[in-house]
Amino acid sequence: MELALRRSPVPRWLLLLPLLLGLNAGAVIDWPTEEGKEVWDYVTVRKDAYMFWWLYYATNSCKNFSELPLVMWLQGGPGGSSTGFGNFEEIGPLDSDLKPRKTTWLQAASLLFVDNPVGTGFSYVNGSGAYAKDLAMVASDMMVLLKTFFSCHKEFQTVPFYIFSESYGGKMAAGIGLELYKAIQRGTIKCNFAGVALGDSWISPVVCLCQRHVRHLQRDALSQLMNGPIRKKLKIIPEDQSWGGQATNVFVNMEEDFMKPVISIVDELLEAGINVTVYNGQLDLIVDTMGQEAWVRKLKWPELPKFSQLKWKALYSDPKSLETSAFVKSYKNLAFYWILKAGHMVPSDQGDMALKMMRLVTQQE
């Protein structure tokens, strides 16, 4: 296990190229003037397996980062990049045009993006035998990364830590969450684990995802951004590696594990008293809300009948508006959010409501 901490040596915006690939030579970019603290690095999680992470400290004008939660974001696929898609397309401080995002989650939490499993995004392997083959290996690798992270960043050991996820990332989040709980019980990882949020998640094979979805997560414009200006900014990406270059191999190696349900793992999380949030976009055609409700009904959690009897409560992203943005029901440590007018990528489709949901899940509202 290796970690050589590298803090960004100069302000982050100055390291980005003035022009993006595809822009005219005369184009001018208005760079944001506010800067936030961020760090990034690799962790050697196994022999020939290197996982990349990128941390942004919360930038709330009224609170120090230590007063706000830490959210780790896991993308789907498997093979979709958290540091790319989740960061620049969904919840990070900048959008894919490098413009400030009004609905960034940094307003209410520090954000840890991890390219997981190894081979995803800027993470990479040396040799085909080093790819993760199943959820157990994915979770084991993440335990190495989290143990290293919290050991090196003791300022986050007492901060409430949540794992938010999307699509296949939800399946990984469930497995990782259970292993993290066990590691904390054993005393091998020190952190204040507060819960998991499973977004549009692949928990049970009720509906069908496909490899085309992975390819969608490597869309050309984002690939140009990540392999151009962002790569130059980070400075630590090996010359022979490119962002997303091993994504297809990640998917292929996880293929046998793909259709295995993890409802029993969610049951174990609930039995352990861990806060579990399920959220889904109303318009999601990849992992539909009815499919999510179907696997929730299969839970063996003793409190499920009481949860099921609850009526949905309307939520409003804009307190001045009468238009419903979402519905929620919650009982003890299980909550379910149904986000209206959102598809598979909830924060991309309904940024305001996604931010409000995150604040509710992390007990800030």
Protein backbone atom coordinates (compact mmCIF):
# COMPACT_ATOMS: atom_id res chain seq x y z
CA MET A 1 0.00 0.00 0.00
CA GLU A 2 1.52 3.29 -1.04
CA LEU A 3 0.47 6.89 -0.76
CA ALA A 4 2.47 9.94 -1.68
CA LEU A 5 0.27 12.94 -0.88
CA ARG A 6 0.28 15.62 -3.52
CA ARG A 7 -1.49 18.88 -2.87
CA SER A 8 -2.20 21.11 -5.82
CA PRO A 9 0.96 23.28 -5.89
CA VAL A 10 -0.74 26.36 -7.32
CA PRO A 11 -4.37 27.56 -7.46
CA ARG A 12 -6.43 25.05 -9.37
CA TRP A 13 -7.80 27.37 -12.02
CA LEU A 14 -4.31 28.51 -13.06
CA LEU A 15 -3.31 24.98 -13.95
CA LEU A 16 -6.10 24.54 -16.47
CA LEU A 17 -5.39 25.32 -20.08
CA PRO A 18 -6.95 28.56 -21.35
CA LEU A 19 -8.52 26.72 -24.26
CA LEU A 20 -10.43 23.46 -24.35
CA LEU A 21 -10.16 21.04 -27.20
CA GLY A 22 -12.85 21.93 -29.68
CA LEU A 23 -12.95 25.64 -28.86
CA ASN A 24 -11.90 28.25 -31.38
CA ALA A 25 -8.39 29.58 -31.02
CA GLY A 26 -9.77 33.01 -30.19
CA ALA A 27 -12.22 31.84 -27.54
CA VAL A 28 -11.98 33.42 -24.09
CA ILE A 29 -12.90 31.58 -20.91
CA ASP A 30 -14.05 33.61 -17.89
CA TRP A 31 -12.39 31.73 -15.05
CA PRO A 32 -14.07 31.66 -11.64
CA THR A 33 -12.38 33.93 -9.13
CA GLU A 34 -13.16 31.88 -6.01
CA GLU A 35 -10.88 28.99 -5.22
CA GLY A 36 -11.43 26.02 -2.97
CA LYS A 37 -8.96 23.64 -1.36
CA GLU A 38 -8.53 20.31 -3.10
CA VAL A 39 -6.10 17.39 -3.05
CA TRP A 40 -5.75 14.23 -5.12
CA ASP A 41 -3.57 11.15 -5.37
CA TYR A 42 -3.26 7.43 -6.13
CA VAL A 43 -3.41 4.57 -3.65
CA THR A 44 -1.90 1.19 -4.50
CA VAL A 45 -4.77 -1.06 -3.41
CA ARG A 46 -3.21 -4.31 -4.65
CA LYS A 47 -0.19 -5.35 -6.67
CA ASP A 48 -0.48 -3.66 -10.08
CA ALA A 49 -3.76 -1.95 -9.08
CA TYR A 50 -3.81 1.83 -8.58
CA MET A 51 -6.91 3.76 -7.53
CA PHE A 52 -7.27 7.51 -8.10
CA TRP A 53 -9.15 9.83 -5.73
CA TRP A 54 -9.89 13.56 -5.78
CA LEU A 55 -11.05 15.49 -2.71
CA TYR A 56 -12.70 18.91 -2.64
CA TYR A 57 -13.09 20.62 0.72
CA ALA A 58 -16.53 22.17 1.33
CA THR A 59 -16.78 25.84 0.39
CA ASN A 60 -19.63 27.04 2.60
CA SER A 61 -19.35 30.75 3.45
CA CYS A 62 -20.85 30.27 6.93
CA LYS A 63 -19.31 26.98 8.06
CA ASN A 64 -15.88 25.39 8.17
CA PHE A 65 -15.53 22.09 6.28
CA SER A 66 -15.20 20.31 9.64
CA GLU A 67 -18.79 21.32 10.46
CA LEU A 68 -20.13 19.71 7.28
CA PRO A 69 -20.29 16.07 6.15
CA LEU A 70 -17.93 14.29 3.76
CA VAL A 71 -19.67 12.67 0.79
CA MET A 72 -17.98 10.02 -1.34
CA TRP A 73 -19.55 9.74 -4.81
CA LEU A 74 -19.48 6.43 -6.69
CA GLN A 75 -20.38 6.28 -10.40
CA GLY A 76 -21.99 3.35 -12.20
CA GLY A 77 -21.09 1.17 -15.13
CA PRO A 78 -19.10 -0.56 -13.75
CA GLY A 79 -16.44 1.53 -15.46
CA GLY A 80 -18.01 5.00 -15.23
CA SER A 81 -15.69 7.64 -13.79
CA SER A 82 -16.64 9.47 -10.61
CA THR A 83 -13.91 12.09 -11.03
CA GLY A 84 -15.14 12.76 -14.55
CA PHE A 85 -18.87 12.26 -14.84
CA GLY A 86 -19.95 12.73 -11.22
CA ASN A 87 -17.61 15.68 -10.79
CA PHE A 88 -18.02 17.67 -14.01
CA GLU A 89 -21.49 16.52 -15.13
CA GLU A 90 -23.37 16.28 -11.84
CA ILE A 91 -22.28 17.63 -8.44
CA GLY A 92 -18.74 19.07 -8.57
CA PRO A 93 -17.81 22.79 -8.38
CA LEU A 94 -17.46 23.17 -12.17
CA ASP A 95 -19.48 21.89 -15.10
CA SER A 96 -17.93 20.34 -18.20
CA ASP A 97 -17.44 23.85 -19.67
CA LEU A 98 -15.46 24.73 -16.52
CA LYS A 99 -18.15 27.17 -15.41
CA PRO A 100 -19.23 27.32 -11.74
CA ARG A 101 -22.14 24.99 -10.97
CA LYS A 102 -24.90 26.71 -9.00
CA THR A 103 -26.11 23.42 -7.54
CA THR A 104 -22.73 21.97 -6.55
CA TRP A 105 -22.87 19.82 -3.43
CA LEU A 106 -19.74 21.58 -2.16
CA GLN A 107 -22.11 24.15 -0.65
CA ALA A 108 -23.11 21.57 1.93
CA ALA A 109 -20.38 18.91 2.02
CA SER A 110 -16.81 18.07 1.18
CA LEU A 111 -16.70 15.76 -1.84
CA LEU A 112 -14.52 12.71 -2.37
CA PHE A 113 -14.60 11.36 -5.93
CA VAL A 114 -13.05 7.91 -6.41
CA ASP A 115 -12.48 6.20 -9.77
CA ASN A 116 -13.67 2.74 -8.78
CA PRO A 117 -13.21 -0.16 -9.58
CA VAL A 118 -9.53 -0.06 -10.58
CA GLY A 119 -9.24 0.62 -14.30
CA THR A 120 -12.02 3.24 -14.18
CA GLY A 121 -11.30 6.87 -15.12
CA PHE A 122 -7.75 7.72 -14.06
CA SER A 123 -7.43 4.55 -11.98
CA TYR A 124 -5.49 1.83 -13.77
CA VAL A 125 -3.99 -1.64 -13.61
CA ASN A 126 -0.73 -3.04 -14.93
CA GLY A 127 -1.74 -6.42 -16.30
CA SER A 128 -5.12 -7.94 -17.09
CA GLY A 129 -5.07 -10.09 -13.96
CA ALA A 130 -5.37 -7.07 -11.68
CA TYR A 131 -8.93 -6.04 -12.58
CA ALA A 132 -11.64 -6.57 -9.95
CA LYS A 133 -13.79 -9.60 -10.70
CA ASP A 134 -16.63 -9.21 -8.20
CA LEU A 135 -18.19 -7.01 -5.54
CA ALA A 136 -16.08 -8.57 -2.80
CA MET A 137 -12.87 -7.49 -4.53
CA VAL A 138 -14.29 -4.03 -5.27
CA ALA A 139 -15.13 -3.58 -1.57
CA SER A 140 -11.75 -4.95 -0.45
CA ASP A 141 -9.92 -2.48 -2.71
CA MET A 142 -12.00 0.40 -1.36
CA MET A 143 -11.17 -0.59 2.22
CA VAL A 144 -7.48 -0.15 1.39
CA LEU A 145 -8.18 3.27 -0.10
CA LEU A 146 -10.40 4.46 2.76
CA LYS A 147 -8.01 3.22 5.43
CA THR A 148 -5.22 5.18 3.74
CA PHE A 149 -7.39 8.24 3.19
CA PHE A 150 -8.65 8.56 6.76
CA SER A 151 -5.20 7.81 8.18
CA CYS A 152 -3.69 10.63 6.13
CA HIS A 153 -6.64 13.01 6.55
CA LYS A 154 -7.38 12.77 10.25
CA GLU A 155 -9.39 15.98 10.01
CA PHE A 156 -12.17 13.89 8.43
CA GLN A 157 -12.20 11.04 10.96
CA THR A 158 -14.94 12.63 13.08
CA VAL A 159 -16.88 14.25 10.23
CA PRO A 160 -20.08 12.37 9.24
CA PHE A 161 -19.16 10.25 6.19
CA TYR A 162 -21.78 9.31 3.61
CA ILE A 163 -21.51 7.19 0.48
CA PHE A 164 -23.71 8.49 -2.35
CA SER A 165 -23.94 6.53 -5.55
CA GLU A 166 -25.60 6.17 -8.91
CA SER A 167 -26.64 3.19 -11.05
CA TYR A 168 -24.22 0.24 -10.63
CA GLY A 169 -22.43 2.46 -8.13
CA GLY A 170 -25.36 1.74 -5.80
CA LYS A 171 -24.59 -1.96 -5.82
CA MET A 172 -20.95 -1.17 -5.06
CA ALA A 173 -21.96 1.34 -2.36
CA ALA A 174 -24.03 -1.31 -0.57
CA GLY A 175 -21.15 -3.79 -0.54
CA ILE A 176 -18.58 -1.14 0.37
CA GLY A 177 -20.84 0.25 3.10
CA LEU A 178 -21.20 -3.14 4.78
CA GLU A 179 -17.45 -3.83 4.67
CA LEU A 180 -16.73 -0.33 6.01
CA TYR A 181 -19.10 -0.95 8.92
CA LYS A 182 -17.27 -4.19 9.72
CA ALA A 183 -13.86 -2.50 9.43
CA ILE A 184 -14.94 0.21 11.86
CA GLN A 185 -16.20 -2.44 14.30
CA ARG A 186 -12.81 -4.17 14.07
CA GLY A 187 -11.01 -0.88 14.57
CA THR A 188 -9.06 -1.12 11.30
CA ILE A 189 -10.60 2.07 9.85
CA LYS A 190 -11.41 5.15 11.88
CA CYS A 191 -14.24 7.24 10.47
CA ASN A 192 -17.72 8.46 11.38
CA PHE A 193 -19.73 6.37 8.92
CA ALA A 194 -23.23 7.90 8.74
CA GLY A 195 -24.99 6.13 5.86
CA VAL A 196 -25.35 5.12 2.23
CA ALA A 197 -27.53 6.62 -0.51
CA LEU A 198 -28.37 4.32 -3.40
CA GLY A 199 -29.33 6.36 -6.45
CA ASP A 200 -31.13 4.77 -9.44
CA SER A 201 -29.30 1.69 -8.23
CA TRP A 202 -28.64 -1.73 -9.69
CA ILE A 203 -29.55 -3.66 -6.53
CA SER A 204 -31.62 -6.42 -8.14
CA PRO A 205 -31.73 -7.51 -11.81
CA VAL A 206 -35.31 -6.38 -12.40
CA VAL A 207 -34.32 -4.23 -15.35
CA CYS A 208 -31.42 -4.46 -17.79
CA LEU A 209 -28.38 -2.23 -18.09
CA CYS A 210 -25.90 -2.79 -20.88
CA GLN A 211 -22.39 -1.94 -21.97
CA ARG A 212 -23.67 0.93 -24.05
CA HIS A 213 -24.31 2.75 -20.78
CA VAL A 214 -20.62 2.51 -19.92
CA ARG A 215 -19.73 3.96 -23.28
CA HIS A 216 -22.19 6.78 -22.63
CA LEU A 217 -20.20 7.67 -19.52
CA GLN A 218 -17.10 8.14 -21.68
CA ARG A 219 -18.74 10.74 -23.94
CA ASP A 220 -16.29 12.47 -26.27
CA ALA A 221 -16.48 16.03 -24.89
CA LEU A 222 -15.86 14.84 -21.34
CA SER A 223 -13.03 12.61 -22.52
CA GLN A 224 -11.38 15.58 -24.22
CA LEU A 225 -11.71 17.61 -21.01
CA MET A 226 -10.31 14.88 -18.77
CA ASN A 227 -7.46 13.86 -21.08
CA GLY A 228 -6.62 17.48 -21.90
CA PRO A 229 -6.83 20.33 -19.36
CA ILE A 230 -7.64 18.18 -16.32
CA ARG A 231 -4.85 15.71 -16.95
CA LYS A 232 -2.38 18.61 -17.23
CA LYS A 233 -3.69 20.11 -14.01
CA LEU A 234 -3.35 16.89 -12.01
CA LYS A 235 0.24 16.26 -13.15
CA ILE A 236 0.43 12.74 -11.64
CA ILE A 237 -1.33 10.66 -14.33
CA PRO A 238 1.15 8.15 -15.85
CA GLU A 239 2.08 8.97 -19.44
CA ASP A 240 0.89 5.59 -20.70
CA GLN A 241 -2.57 5.92 -19.12
CA SER A 242 -5.60 7.85 -20.35
CA TRP A 243 -8.88 8.69 -18.62
CA GLY A 244 -11.40 5.96 -19.43
CA GLY A 245 -8.88 3.92 -21.40
CA GLN A 246 -9.53 0.73 -19.42
CA ALA A 247 -13.28 1.22 -18.82
CA THR A 248 -14.43 -1.53 -21.17
CA ASN A 249 -12.06 -4.01 -19.51
CA VAL A 250 -13.50 -3.05 -16.11
CA PHE A 251 -17.00 -3.92 -17.34
CA VAL A 252 -15.95 -7.19 -19.00
CA ASN A 253 -14.12 -8.41 -15.89
CA MET A 254 -17.15 -7.67 -13.70
CA GLU A 255 -19.58 -9.28 -16.13
CA GLU A 256 -20.17 -12.52 -14.19
CA ASP A 257 -21.00 -10.52 -11.06
CA PHE A 258 -23.26 -8.13 -12.92
CA MET A 259 -26.61 -9.89 -12.53
CA LYS A 260 -26.18 -10.94 -8.89
CA PRO A 261 -28.63 -9.12 -6.59
CA VAL A 262 -27.48 -7.52 -3.33
CA ILE A 263 -30.84 -7.17 -1.54
CA SER A 264 -29.44 -9.27 1.31
CA ILE A 265 -26.58 -6.77 1.75
CA VAL A 266 -29.07 -3.90 2.06
CA ASP A 267 -30.88 -6.00 4.69
CA GLU A 268 -27.62 -6.36 6.61
CA LEU A 269 -27.03 -2.61 6.46
CA LEU A 270 -30.51 -1.93 7.84
CA GLU A 271 -30.13 -4.58 10.57
CA ALA A 272 -26.83 -2.97 11.60
CA GLY A 273 -28.63 0.33 12.08
CA ILE A 274 -26.93 2.05 9.16
CA ASN A 275 -28.95 4.78 7.48
CA VAL A 276 -29.99 3.64 4.00
CA THR A 277 -31.49 6.06 1.48
CA VAL A 278 -32.93 4.92 -1.85
CA TYR A 279 -33.56 7.58 -4.48
CA ASN A 280 -34.73 7.33 -8.07
CA GLY A 281 -35.60 9.56 -11.00
CA GLN A 282 -39.25 9.38 -12.04
CA LEU A 283 -38.31 9.22 -15.74
CA ASP A 284 -35.46 6.72 -15.42
CA LEU A 285 -35.78 4.12 -18.19
CA ILE A 286 -32.59 2.25 -17.25
CA VAL A 287 -33.45 1.54 -13.60
CA ASP A 288 -37.10 2.50 -13.20
CA THR A 289 -38.73 3.55 -9.95
CA MET A 290 -41.23 0.65 -9.95
CA GLY A 291 -38.28 -1.73 -10.16
CA GLN A 292 -36.70 0.02 -7.16
CA GLU A 293 -39.94 -0.28 -5.19
CA ALA A 294 -40.12 -3.96 -6.16
CA TRP A 295 -36.75 -4.87 -4.64
CA VAL A 296 -37.46 -2.77 -1.55
CA ARG A 297 -40.58 -4.88 -1.00
CA LYS A 298 -38.34 -7.98 -0.99
CA LEU A 299 -36.36 -6.77 2.02
CA LYS A 300 -36.57 -8.95 5.11
CA TRP A 301 -36.04 -5.98 7.42
CA PRO A 302 -38.51 -6.36 10.34
CA GLU A 303 -39.60 -2.71 10.10
CA LEU A 304 -40.53 -2.96 6.41
CA PRO A 305 -44.30 -3.34 6.96
CA LYS A 306 -44.41 -0.05 8.88
CA PHE A 307 -42.30 1.64 6.20
CA SER A 308 -44.57 0.32 3.45
CA GLN A 309 -47.70 1.66 5.17
CA LEU A 310 -46.43 5.23 5.11
CA LYS A 311 -47.87 7.71 2.63
CA TRP A 312 -45.59 9.65 0.31
CA LYS A 313 -44.81 13.20 1.46
CA ALA A 314 -44.39 15.96 -1.12
CA LEU A 315 -41.13 17.95 -1.27
CA TYR A 316 -40.50 21.32 -2.89
CA SER A 317 -37.07 22.43 -4.12
CA ASP A 318 -38.31 26.03 -4.24
CA PRO A 319 -40.22 27.03 -1.07
CA LYS A 320 -41.99 29.78 -3.03
CA SER A 321 -43.31 27.34 -5.62
CA LEU A 322 -46.39 25.14 -5.36
CA GLU A 323 -44.93 22.65 -7.84
CA THR A 324 -43.95 19.35 -6.26
CA SER A 325 -40.32 18.38 -6.93
CA ALA A 326 -40.20 15.00 -5.22
CA PHE A 327 -41.90 12.58 -2.88
CA VAL A 328 -40.35 10.91 0.15
CA LYS A 329 -41.19 8.43 2.84
CA SER A 330 -38.94 7.51 5.71
CA TYR A 331 -39.11 5.20 8.70
CA LYS A 332 -36.29 4.73 11.18
CA ASN A 333 -33.11 4.16 9.11
CA LEU A 334 -34.72 3.64 5.68
CA ALA A 335 -35.77 6.48 3.36
CA PHE A 336 -37.00 6.51 -0.24
CA TYR A 337 -36.96 9.62 -2.47
CA TRP A 338 -38.82 9.72 -5.76
CA ILE A 339 -37.45 12.66 -7.76
CA LEU A 340 -39.87 14.07 -10.33
CA LYS A 341 -38.80 15.13 -13.85
CA ALA A 342 -35.46 13.33 -13.41
CA GLY A 343 -33.99 10.44 -15.37
CA HIS A 344 -31.08 8.13 -14.57
CA MET A 345 -28.73 10.97 -13.60
CA VAL A 346 -30.76 12.80 -10.94
CA PRO A 347 -28.30 15.64 -10.13
CA SER A 348 -27.91 16.42 -13.84
CA ASP A 349 -31.66 16.59 -14.41
CA GLN A 350 -32.85 18.18 -11.17
CA GLY A 351 -29.86 19.84 -9.53
CA ASP A 352 -31.78 21.91 -6.99
CA MET A 353 -33.82 18.96 -5.75
CA ALA A 354 -30.78 16.69 -5.67
CA LEU A 355 -28.93 19.23 -3.50
CA LYS A 356 -31.94 19.55 -1.18
CA MET A 357 -32.18 15.75 -0.93
CA MET A 358 -28.50 15.51 -0.02
CA ARG A 359 -29.02 18.10 2.73
CA LEU A 360 -32.02 16.14 4.04
CA VAL A 361 -30.13 12.82 3.96
CA THR A 362 -27.15 14.35 5.78
CA GLN A 363 -29.50 15.90 8.37
CA GLN A 364 -28.83 19.52 7.42
CA GLU A 365 -32.56 20.22 6.85
